[in-house]
Amino acid sequence: MSVAITLHMLSIVIWVGGMFFAYTVLRPAAASLLEPPLRLRLWSQVFAGFFPWVWASVIITLATGLWIIFAVFAGFGSVGTYVHIMFGLGLLMMALFMHVFFAPYKRLKRAVAEENWPEGGKQLNMIRKIVGINTLLGIITITVAAGGRYL
């Protein structure tokens, strides 16, 4: 179980920490320093580098979480409410990421390739909003995971 918990936590740190950094540090700096064409190219490359890590995090988080629930605790009936909340929020976060990946990110890449900066800006703004929501959900999920049995 120690390996599963370690992998579970590392995948969450990579995913939520990456979103937090991108949203609170990189985004404001890029917006204040770069003109739209360069900013959109930057974000397209940042996402191309970060999203494989998110996919790995999604797979590892889901696999280790389910393994812990079923192999250690014999299913959802034996875990506390906070685990159900954590699991539900995690599934929502995964769905939001998949939406970003398959819809606005795909359109952002196309807009950047075509140098359609207004469309690229529109897609980046959509991604920004969803990443903001997912970052908040991630922080809430971490809070529930860390203190859930004591809340």
Protein backbone atom coordinates (compact mmCIF):
# COMPACT_ATOMS: atom_id res chain seq x y z
CA MET A 1 0.00 0.00 0.00
CA SER A 2 2.88 2.40 0.65
CA VAL A 3 3.88 2.34 -3.04
CA ALA A 4 0.29 3.02 -4.11
CA ILE A 5 -0.13 5.93 -1.69
CA THR A 6 3.23 7.39 -2.73
CA LEU A 7 2.41 7.18 -6.44
CA HIS A 8 -1.07 8.54 -5.77
CA MET A 9 0.28 11.57 -3.93
CA LEU A 10 3.10 12.24 -6.42
CA SER A 11 0.66 12.21 -9.33
CA ILE A 12 -1.58 14.71 -7.52
CA VAL A 13 1.38 16.97 -6.69
CA ILE A 14 2.49 16.99 -10.33
CA TRP A 15 -1.00 17.69 -11.69
CA VAL A 16 -2.38 20.19 -9.17
CA GLY A 17 1.00 21.81 -8.54
CA GLY A 18 1.51 22.27 -12.27
CA MET A 19 -1.90 23.88 -12.66
CA PHE A 20 -1.33 26.14 -9.67
CA PHE A 21 2.02 27.32 -11.04
CA ALA A 22 0.67 27.84 -14.54
CA TYR A 23 -2.40 29.72 -13.35
CA THR A 24 -0.91 31.90 -10.63
CA VAL A 25 2.65 32.53 -11.88
CA LEU A 26 3.17 31.75 -15.57
CA ARG A 27 -0.14 33.11 -16.88
CA PRO A 28 0.19 36.61 -15.37
CA ALA A 29 3.85 36.86 -16.42
CA ALA A 30 3.13 35.76 -19.98
CA ALA A 31 0.14 38.11 -20.24
CA SER A 32 2.16 41.12 -19.11
CA LEU A 33 5.31 40.44 -21.14
CA LEU A 34 4.28 38.79 -24.40
CA GLU A 35 2.24 39.92 -27.39
CA PRO A 36 -0.62 37.57 -28.35
CA PRO A 37 1.19 35.63 -31.13
CA LEU A 38 4.16 34.80 -28.93
CA ARG A 39 1.98 34.20 -25.86
CA LEU A 40 -0.24 31.75 -27.76
CA ARG A 41 2.78 29.90 -29.15
CA LEU A 42 4.23 29.71 -25.64
CA TRP A 43 1.04 28.26 -24.17
CA SER A 44 0.67 25.76 -26.99
CA GLN A 45 4.17 24.46 -26.23
CA VAL A 46 3.66 24.59 -22.45
CA PHE A 47 0.52 22.46 -22.79
CA ALA A 48 2.28 20.07 -25.19
CA GLY A 49 4.89 19.49 -22.48
CA PHE A 50 2.57 19.43 -19.48
CA PHE A 51 -0.40 17.43 -20.77
CA PRO A 52 1.49 14.09 -21.10
CA TRP A 53 2.32 14.48 -17.40
CA VAL A 54 -1.35 15.15 -16.67
CA TRP A 55 -2.40 12.04 -18.62
CA ALA A 56 0.07 9.98 -16.60
CA SER A 57 -1.20 11.59 -13.40
CA VAL A 58 -4.83 10.85 -14.29
CA ILE A 59 -4.06 7.20 -14.99
CA ILE A 60 -1.88 6.74 -11.91
CA THR A 61 -4.29 8.60 -9.61
CA LEU A 62 -7.30 6.59 -10.77
CA ALA A 63 -5.48 3.25 -10.74
CA THR A 64 -3.88 3.70 -7.32
CA GLY A 65 -7.02 5.19 -5.79
CA LEU A 66 -9.15 2.27 -6.94
CA TRP A 67 -6.48 -0.22 -5.88
CA ILE A 68 -6.36 1.26 -2.38
CA ILE A 69 -10.15 1.35 -2.09
CA PHE A 70 -10.71 -2.22 -3.29
CA ALA A 71 -7.55 -4.10 -2.30
CA VAL A 72 -7.03 -2.49 1.09
CA PHE A 73 -10.52 -1.42 2.20
CA ALA A 74 -12.64 -4.00 0.31
CA GLY A 75 -14.64 -1.40 -1.62
CA PHE A 76 -16.47 1.87 -1.29
CA GLY A 77 -18.72 0.53 1.46
CA SER A 78 -15.77 0.41 3.85
CA VAL A 79 -14.38 3.91 3.32
CA GLY A 80 -15.39 7.20 4.87
CA THR A 81 -17.52 9.87 3.26
CA TYR A 82 -14.42 11.97 2.65
CA VAL A 83 -13.07 9.24 0.31
CA HIS A 84 -16.32 9.33 -1.68
CA ILE A 85 -16.02 13.13 -1.93
CA MET A 86 -12.36 12.88 -2.93
CA PHE A 87 -13.18 10.26 -5.58
CA GLY A 88 -16.08 12.26 -7.01
CA LEU A 89 -14.04 15.47 -7.19
CA GLY A 90 -11.19 13.55 -8.81
CA LEU A 91 -13.51 12.17 -11.48
CA LEU A 92 -14.85 15.68 -12.14
CA MET A 93 -11.29 17.01 -12.46
CA MET A 94 -10.44 14.22 -14.90
CA ALA A 95 -13.51 14.98 -17.00
CA LEU A 96 -12.66 18.68 -17.10
CA PHE A 97 -9.08 17.90 -18.15
CA MET A 98 -10.29 15.59 -20.92
CA HIS A 99 -12.64 18.29 -22.16
CA VAL A 100 -9.74 20.79 -22.24
CA PHE A 101 -7.50 18.31 -24.03
CA PHE A 102 -9.97 17.19 -26.68
CA ALA A 103 -11.78 20.49 -27.34
CA PRO A 104 -10.21 23.92 -26.62
CA TYR A 105 -6.60 22.67 -26.63
CA LYS A 106 -7.13 20.96 -29.99
CA ARG A 107 -8.62 24.20 -31.35
CA LEU A 108 -5.79 26.26 -29.80
CA LYS A 109 -3.17 24.15 -31.60
CA ARG A 110 -5.02 24.57 -34.88
CA ALA A 111 -5.38 28.34 -34.38
CA VAL A 112 -1.67 28.71 -33.60
CA ALA A 113 -0.72 26.63 -36.66
CA GLU A 114 -2.97 28.84 -38.82
CA GLU A 115 -1.82 32.02 -37.03
CA ASN A 116 -5.45 32.81 -36.22
CA TRP A 117 -4.67 34.85 -33.11
CA PRO A 118 -8.22 35.94 -32.22
CA GLU A 119 -9.42 32.32 -32.27
CA GLY A 120 -6.33 31.20 -30.36
CA GLY A 121 -7.01 33.84 -27.72
CA LYS A 122 -10.59 32.65 -27.40
CA GLN A 123 -9.49 29.05 -26.88
CA LEU A 124 -6.75 30.02 -24.43
CA ASN A 125 -9.30 31.97 -22.41
CA MET A 126 -11.56 28.91 -22.30
CA ILE A 127 -8.64 26.77 -21.12
CA ARG A 128 -7.73 29.41 -18.50
CA LYS A 129 -11.22 29.32 -17.01
CA ILE A 130 -11.37 25.53 -16.84
CA VAL A 131 -7.84 25.28 -15.41
CA GLY A 132 -8.85 27.82 -12.77
CA ILE A 133 -11.83 25.68 -11.81
CA ASN A 134 -9.73 22.52 -11.83
CA THR A 135 -7.04 24.13 -9.69
CA LEU A 136 -9.64 25.10 -7.11
CA LEU A 137 -11.16 21.60 -7.23
CA GLY A 138 -7.68 20.14 -6.80
CA ILE A 139 -7.00 22.27 -3.72
CA ILE A 140 -10.37 21.29 -2.26
CA THR A 141 -9.68 17.61 -3.00
CA ILE A 142 -6.27 17.79 -1.33
CA THR A 143 -7.86 19.47 1.68
CA VAL A 144 -10.51 16.76 1.92
CA ALA A 145 -7.87 14.04 1.52
CA ALA A 146 -5.56 15.51 4.15
CA GLY A 147 -8.16 16.38 6.78
CA GLY A 148 -11.25 14.48 5.73
CA ARG A 149 -11.34 11.94 8.49
CA TYR A 150 -10.88 14.78 11.02
CA LEU A 151 -13.36 17.29 9.58
